[in-house]
Amino acid sequence: MPAVVKCPTCGKDVPWVQENKFRPFCSDRCKQIDLGAWAAEKYVIGGKPGETPSADLPEDEDD
């Protein structure tokens, strides 16, 4: 039995199967709504401007 997740946009149950080309979304509509929210800057990723994610990682010892 496949895992079931909630669509991030509408909350509908979505089976996590390869045949669902919109996963984790239930439909193209929900996928586009989410993309539009990112484009409208309704979502943000935390951090300071110009800060690189690798700044918190340890240095490589092979250098």
PDB file of N, CA and C in Angstrom:
ATOM      1  N   MET A   1       0.841  -1.186   0.000  1.00  0.00           N
ATOM      2  CA  MET A   1       0.000   0.000   0.000  1.00  0.00           C
ATOM      3  C   MET A   1       0.886   1.250   0.000  1.00  0.00           C
ATOM      4  N   PRO A   2       0.650   2.188  -0.935  1.00  0.00           N
ATOM      5  CA  PRO A   2       1.509   3.381  -1.014  1.00  0.00           C
ATOM      6  C   PRO A   2       1.258   4.337   0.151  1.00  0.00           C
ATOM      7  N   ALA A   3       2.285   5.111   0.450  1.00  0.00           N
ATOM      8  CA  ALA A   3       2.152   6.152   1.463  1.00  0.00           C
ATOM      9  C   ALA A   3       1.163   7.209   0.966  1.00  0.00           C
ATOM     10  N   VAL A   4       0.502   7.855   1.902  1.00  0.00           N
ATOM     11  CA  VAL A   4      -0.443   8.910   1.565  1.00  0.00           C
ATOM     12  C   VAL A   4       0.013  10.180   2.260  1.00  0.00           C
ATOM     13  N   VAL A   5       0.094  11.274   1.506  1.00  0.00           N
ATOM     14  CA  VAL A   5       0.478  12.576   2.050  1.00  0.00           C
ATOM     15  C   VAL A   5      -0.660  13.563   1.808  1.00  0.00           C
ATOM     16  N   LYS A   6      -0.620  14.686   2.493  1.00  0.00           N
ATOM     17  CA  LYS A   6      -1.602  15.744   2.289  1.00  0.00           C
ATOM     18  C   LYS A   6      -1.066  16.718   1.243  1.00  0.00           C
ATOM     19  N   CYS A   7      -1.923  17.121   0.315  1.00  0.00           N
ATOM     20  CA  CYS A   7      -1.542  18.136  -0.669  1.00  0.00           C
ATOM     21  C   CYS A   7      -1.206  19.409   0.101  1.00  0.00           C
ATOM     22  N   PRO A   8      -0.032  20.001  -0.130  1.00  0.00           N
ATOM     23  CA  PRO A   8       0.358  21.202   0.600  1.00  0.00           C
ATOM     24  C   PRO A   8      -0.568  22.398   0.350  1.00  0.00           C
ATOM     25  N   THR A   9      -1.291  22.387  -0.752  1.00  0.00           N
ATOM     26  CA  THR A   9      -2.156  23.521  -1.091  1.00  0.00           C
ATOM     27  C   THR A   9      -3.560  23.368  -0.538  1.00  0.00           C
ATOM     28  N   CYS A  10      -4.193  22.212  -0.780  1.00  0.00           N
ATOM     29  CA  CYS A  10      -5.601  22.062  -0.391  1.00  0.00           C
ATOM     30  C   CYS A  10      -5.839  21.076   0.736  1.00  0.00           C
ATOM     31  N   GLY A  11      -4.835  20.263   1.074  1.00  0.00           N
ATOM     32  CA  GLY A  11      -4.969  19.320   2.166  1.00  0.00           C
ATOM     33  C   GLY A  11      -5.584  17.984   1.791  1.00  0.00           C
ATOM     34  N   LYS A  12      -5.908  17.778   0.531  1.00  0.00           N
ATOM     35  CA  LYS A  12      -6.483  16.511   0.069  1.00  0.00           C
ATOM     36  C   LYS A  12      -5.461  15.385   0.205  1.00  0.00           C
ATOM     37  N   ASP A  13      -5.910  14.169   0.546  1.00  0.00           N
ATOM     38  CA  ASP A  13      -5.025  13.012   0.607  1.00  0.00           C
ATOM     39  C   ASP A  13      -4.521  12.670  -0.795  1.00  0.00           C
ATOM     40  N   VAL A  14      -3.200  12.445  -0.904  1.00  0.00           N
ATOM     41  CA  VAL A  14      -2.576  12.149  -2.191  1.00  0.00           C
ATOM     42  C   VAL A  14      -1.715  10.905  -2.039  1.00  0.00           C
ATOM     43  N   PRO A  15      -1.991   9.849  -2.816  1.00  0.00           N
ATOM     44  CA  PRO A  15      -1.115   8.666  -2.749  1.00  0.00           C
ATOM     45  C   PRO A  15       0.260   9.004  -3.340  1.00  0.00           C
ATOM     46  N   TRP A  16       1.312   8.604  -2.636  1.00  0.00           N
ATOM     47  CA  TRP A  16       2.686   8.875  -3.083  1.00  0.00           C
ATOM     48  C   TRP A  16       3.117   7.748  -4.012  1.00  0.00           C
ATOM     49  N   VAL A  17       2.700   7.882  -5.276  1.00  0.00           N
ATOM     50  CA  VAL A  17       3.017   6.873  -6.282  1.00  0.00           C
ATOM     51  C   VAL A  17       3.639   7.558  -7.490  1.00  0.00           C
ATOM     52  N   GLN A  18       4.468   6.834  -8.211  1.00  0.00           N
ATOM     53  CA  GLN A  18       5.169   7.402  -9.363  1.00  0.00           C
ATOM     54  C   GLN A  18       4.202   7.897 -10.436  1.00  0.00           C
ATOM     55  N   GLU A  19       3.047   7.277 -10.541  1.00  0.00           N
ATOM     56  CA  GLU A  19       2.072   7.671 -11.554  1.00  0.00           C
ATOM     57  C   GLU A  19       1.509   9.074 -11.326  1.00  0.00           C
ATOM     58  N   ASN A  20       1.576   9.563 -10.088  1.00  0.00           N
ATOM     59  CA  ASN A  20       1.085  10.906  -9.791  1.00  0.00           C
ATOM     60  C   ASN A  20       2.179  11.915 -10.140  1.00  0.00           C
ATOM     61  N   LYS A  21       2.088  12.485 -11.328  1.00  0.00           N
ATOM     62  CA  LYS A  21       3.148  13.392 -11.787  1.00  0.00           C
ATOM     63  C   LYS A  21       3.126  14.742 -11.076  1.00  0.00           C
ATOM     64  N   PHE A  22       2.108  15.011 -10.259  1.00  0.00           N
ATOM     65  CA  PHE A  22       2.018  16.282  -9.546  1.00  0.00           C
ATOM     66  C   PHE A  22       2.445  16.180  -8.084  1.00  0.00           C
ATOM     67  N   ARG A  23       2.819  14.972  -7.618  1.00  0.00           N
ATOM     68  CA  ARG A  23       3.125  14.800  -6.201  1.00  0.00           C
ATOM     69  C   ARG A  23       4.159  15.798  -5.724  1.00  0.00           C
ATOM     70  N   PRO A  24       4.082  16.346  -4.590  1.00  0.00           N
ATOM     71  CA  PRO A  24       3.168  16.037  -3.507  1.00  0.00           C
ATOM     72  C   PRO A  24       1.794  16.702  -3.647  1.00  0.00           C
ATOM     73  N   PHE A  25       1.565  17.372  -4.748  1.00  0.00           N
ATOM     74  CA  PHE A  25       0.285  18.042  -4.968  1.00  0.00           C
ATOM     75  C   PHE A  25      -0.724  17.064  -5.552  1.00  0.00           C
ATOM     76  N   CYS A  26      -2.022  17.401  -5.407  1.00  0.00           N
ATOM     77  CA  CYS A  26      -3.065  16.512  -5.927  1.00  0.00           C
ATOM     78  C   CYS A  26      -3.361  16.788  -7.396  1.00  0.00           C
ATOM     79  N   SER A  27      -2.994  17.968  -7.887  1.00  0.00           N
ATOM     80  CA  SER A  27      -3.326  18.333  -9.264  1.00  0.00           C
ATOM     81  C   SER A  27      -2.378  19.415  -9.758  1.00  0.00           C
ATOM     82  N   ASP A  28      -2.438  19.655 -11.065  1.00  0.00           N
ATOM     83  CA  ASP A  28      -1.642  20.737 -11.650  1.00  0.00           C
ATOM     84  C   ASP A  28      -2.087  22.084 -11.099  1.00  0.00           C
ATOM     85  N   ARG A  29      -3.381  22.231 -10.839  1.00  0.00           N
ATOM     86  CA  ARG A  29      -3.912  23.483 -10.295  1.00  0.00           C
ATOM     87  C   ARG A  29      -3.253  23.812  -8.951  1.00  0.00           C
ATOM     88  N   CYS A  30      -3.212  22.833  -8.041  1.00  0.00           N
ATOM     89  CA  CYS A  30      -2.591  23.068  -6.735  1.00  0.00           C
ATOM     90  C   CYS A  30      -1.096  23.344  -6.872  1.00  0.00           C
ATOM     91  N   LYS A  31      -0.452  22.663  -7.802  1.00  0.00           N
ATOM     92  CA  LYS A  31       0.979  22.891  -8.059  1.00  0.00           C
ATOM     93  C   LYS A  31       1.209  24.332  -8.533  1.00  0.00           C
ATOM     94  N   GLN A  32       0.357  24.815  -9.433  1.00  0.00           N
ATOM     95  CA  GLN A  32       0.486  26.174  -9.964  1.00  0.00           C
ATOM     96  C   GLN A  32       0.175  27.228  -8.900  1.00  0.00           C
ATOM     97  N   ILE A  33      -0.783  26.954  -8.031  1.00  0.00           N
ATOM     98  CA  ILE A  33      -1.087  27.883  -6.932  1.00  0.00           C
ATOM     99  C   ILE A  33       0.131  28.041  -6.039  1.00  0.00           C
ATOM    100  N   ASP A  34       0.799  26.915  -5.715  1.00  0.00           N
ATOM    101  CA  ASP A  34       1.994  26.955  -4.876  1.00  0.00           C
ATOM    102  C   ASP A  34       3.123  27.716  -5.565  1.00  0.00           C
ATOM    103  N   LEU A  35       3.324  27.455  -6.854  1.00  0.00           N
ATOM    104  CA  LEU A  35       4.353  28.162  -7.613  1.00  0.00           C
ATOM    105  C   LEU A  35       4.075  29.663  -7.619  1.00  0.00           C
ATOM    106  N   GLY A  36       2.815  30.039  -7.800  1.00  0.00           N
ATOM    107  CA  GLY A  36       2.439  31.451  -7.781  1.00  0.00           C
ATOM    108  C   GLY A  36       2.720  32.103  -6.440  1.00  0.00           C
ATOM    109  N   ALA A  37       2.517  31.358  -5.354  1.00  0.00           N
ATOM    110  CA  ALA A  37       2.801  31.896  -4.023  1.00  0.00           C
ATOM    111  C   ALA A  37       4.297  32.162  -3.861  1.00  0.00           C
ATOM    112  N   TRP A  38       5.137  31.262  -4.387  1.00  0.00           N
ATOM    113  CA  TRP A  38       6.588  31.498  -4.349  1.00  0.00           C
ATOM    114  C   TRP A  38       6.939  32.725  -5.188  1.00  0.00           C
ATOM    115  N   ALA A  39       6.340  32.839  -6.373  1.00  0.00           N
ATOM    116  CA  ALA A  39       6.639  33.972  -7.263  1.00  0.00           C
ATOM    117  C   ALA A  39       6.198  35.292  -6.640  1.00  0.00           C
ATOM    118  N   ALA A  40       5.116  35.263  -5.868  1.00  0.00           N
ATOM    119  CA  ALA A  40       4.623  36.475  -5.202  1.00  0.00           C
ATOM    120  C   ALA A  40       5.350  36.730  -3.878  1.00  0.00           C
ATOM    121  N   GLU A  41       6.359  35.912  -3.583  1.00  0.00           N
ATOM    122  CA  GLU A  41       7.177  36.012  -2.371  1.00  0.00           C
ATOM    123  C   GLU A  41       6.359  35.867  -1.100  1.00  0.00           C
ATOM    124  N   LYS A  42       5.315  35.013  -1.160  1.00  0.00           N
ATOM    125  CA  LYS A  42       4.549  34.705   0.051  1.00  0.00           C
ATOM    126  C   LYS A  42       5.305  33.725   0.935  1.00  0.00           C
ATOM    127  N   TYR A  43       6.243  32.992   0.351  1.00  0.00           N
ATOM    128  CA  TYR A  43       7.106  32.086   1.091  1.00  0.00           C
ATOM    129  C   TYR A  43       8.519  32.639   1.025  1.00  0.00           C
ATOM    130  N   VAL A  44       9.278  32.451   2.085  1.00  0.00           N
ATOM    131  CA  VAL A  44      10.683  32.850   2.086  1.00  0.00           C
ATOM    132  C   VAL A  44      11.504  31.776   2.779  1.00  0.00           C
ATOM    133  N   ILE A  45      12.748  31.696   2.410  1.00  0.00           N
ATOM    134  CA  ILE A  45      13.683  30.791   3.056  1.00  0.00           C
ATOM    135  C   ILE A  45      14.502  31.638   4.017  1.00  0.00           C
ATOM    136  N   GLY A  46      14.567  31.214   5.258  1.00  0.00           N
ATOM    137  CA  GLY A  46      15.253  31.985   6.289  1.00  0.00           C
ATOM    138  C   GLY A  46      16.725  32.196   5.996  1.00  0.00           C
ATOM    139  N   GLY A  47      17.268  33.221   6.582  1.00  0.00           N
ATOM    140  CA  GLY A  47      18.682  33.535   6.424  1.00  0.00           C
ATOM    141  C   GLY A  47      18.856  35.009   6.127  1.00  0.00           C
ATOM    142  N   LYS A  48      20.075  35.431   6.159  1.00  0.00           N
ATOM    143  CA  LYS A  48      20.384  36.826   5.869  1.00  0.00           C
ATOM    144  C   LYS A  48      20.718  36.973   4.393  1.00  0.00           C
ATOM    145  N   PRO A  49      20.386  38.105   3.766  1.00  0.00           N
ATOM    146  CA  PRO A  49      20.740  38.309   2.360  1.00  0.00           C
ATOM    147  C   PRO A  49      22.237  38.126   2.140  1.00  0.00           C
ATOM    148  N   GLY A  50      22.593  37.394   1.120  1.00  0.00           N
ATOM    149  CA  GLY A  50      23.996  37.176   0.791  1.00  0.00           C
ATOM    150  C   GLY A  50      24.650  36.053   1.574  1.00  0.00           C
ATOM    151  N   GLU A  51      23.954  35.489   2.547  1.00  0.00           N
ATOM    152  CA  GLU A  51      24.503  34.404   3.340  1.00  0.00           C
ATOM    153  C   GLU A  51      24.429  33.108   2.532  1.00  0.00           C
ATOM    154  N   THR A  52      25.512  32.374   2.474  1.00  0.00           N
ATOM    155  CA  THR A  52      25.503  31.119   1.732  1.00  0.00           C
ATOM    156  C   THR A  52      25.212  29.967   2.684  1.00  0.00           C
ATOM    157  N   PRO A  53      24.453  28.984   2.234  1.00  0.00           N
ATOM    158  CA  PRO A  53      24.134  27.855   3.101  1.00  0.00           C
ATOM    159  C   PRO A  53      25.369  27.115   3.602  1.00  0.00           C
ATOM    160  N   SER A  54      26.448  27.105   2.835  1.00  0.00           N
ATOM    161  CA  SER A  54      27.645  26.370   3.228  1.00  0.00           C
ATOM    162  C   SER A  54      28.397  27.043   4.372  1.00  0.00           C
ATOM    163  N   ALA A  55      28.013  28.254   4.755  1.00  0.00           N
ATOM    164  CA  ALA A  55      28.702  28.966   5.825  1.00  0.00           C
ATOM    165  C   ALA A  55      28.599  28.215   7.151  1.00  0.00           C
ATOM    166  N   ASP A  56      27.566  27.407   7.340  1.00  0.00           N
ATOM    167  CA  ASP A  56      27.384  26.681   8.581  1.00  0.00           C
ATOM    168  C   ASP A  56      28.006  25.290   8.555  1.00  0.00           C
ATOM    169  N   LEU A  57      28.544  24.895   7.410  1.00  0.00           N
ATOM    170  CA  LEU A  57      29.124  23.557   7.294  1.00  0.00           C
ATOM    171  C   LEU A  57      30.591  23.572   7.698  1.00  0.00           C
ATOM    172  N   PRO A  58      31.080  22.464   8.249  1.00  0.00           N
ATOM    173  CA  PRO A  58      32.495  22.416   8.631  1.00  0.00           C
ATOM    174  C   PRO A  58      33.397  22.427   7.400  1.00  0.00           C
ATOM    175  N   GLU A  59      34.593  22.909   7.593  1.00  0.00           N
ATOM    176  CA  GLU A  59      35.575  22.968   6.516  1.00  0.00           C
ATOM    177  C   GLU A  59      36.022  21.560   6.140  1.00  0.00           C
ATOM    178  N   ASP A  60      36.357  21.355   4.855  1.00  0.00           N
ATOM    179  CA  ASP A  60      36.922  20.084   4.408  1.00  0.00           C
ATOM    180  C   ASP A  60      38.353  19.994   4.922  1.00  0.00           C
ATOM    181  N   GLU A  61      38.719  18.820   5.419  1.00  0.00           N
ATOM    182  CA  GLU A  61      40.072  18.634   5.927  1.00  0.00           C
ATOM    183  C   GLU A  61      41.041  18.222   4.843  1.00  0.00           C
ATOM    184  N   ASP A  62      40.540  17.957   3.626  1.00  0.00           N
ATOM    185  CA  ASP A  62      41.403  17.509   2.524  1.00  0.00           C
ATOM    186  C   ASP A  62      42.048  18.658   1.786  1.00  0.00           C
ATOM    187  N   ASP A  63      41.710  19.900   2.086  1.00  0.00           N
ATOM    188  CA  ASP A  63      42.257  21.061   1.348  1.00  0.00           C
ATOM    189  C   ASP A  63      43.715  21.276   1.592  1.00  0.00           C
TER     190      ASP A  63
END
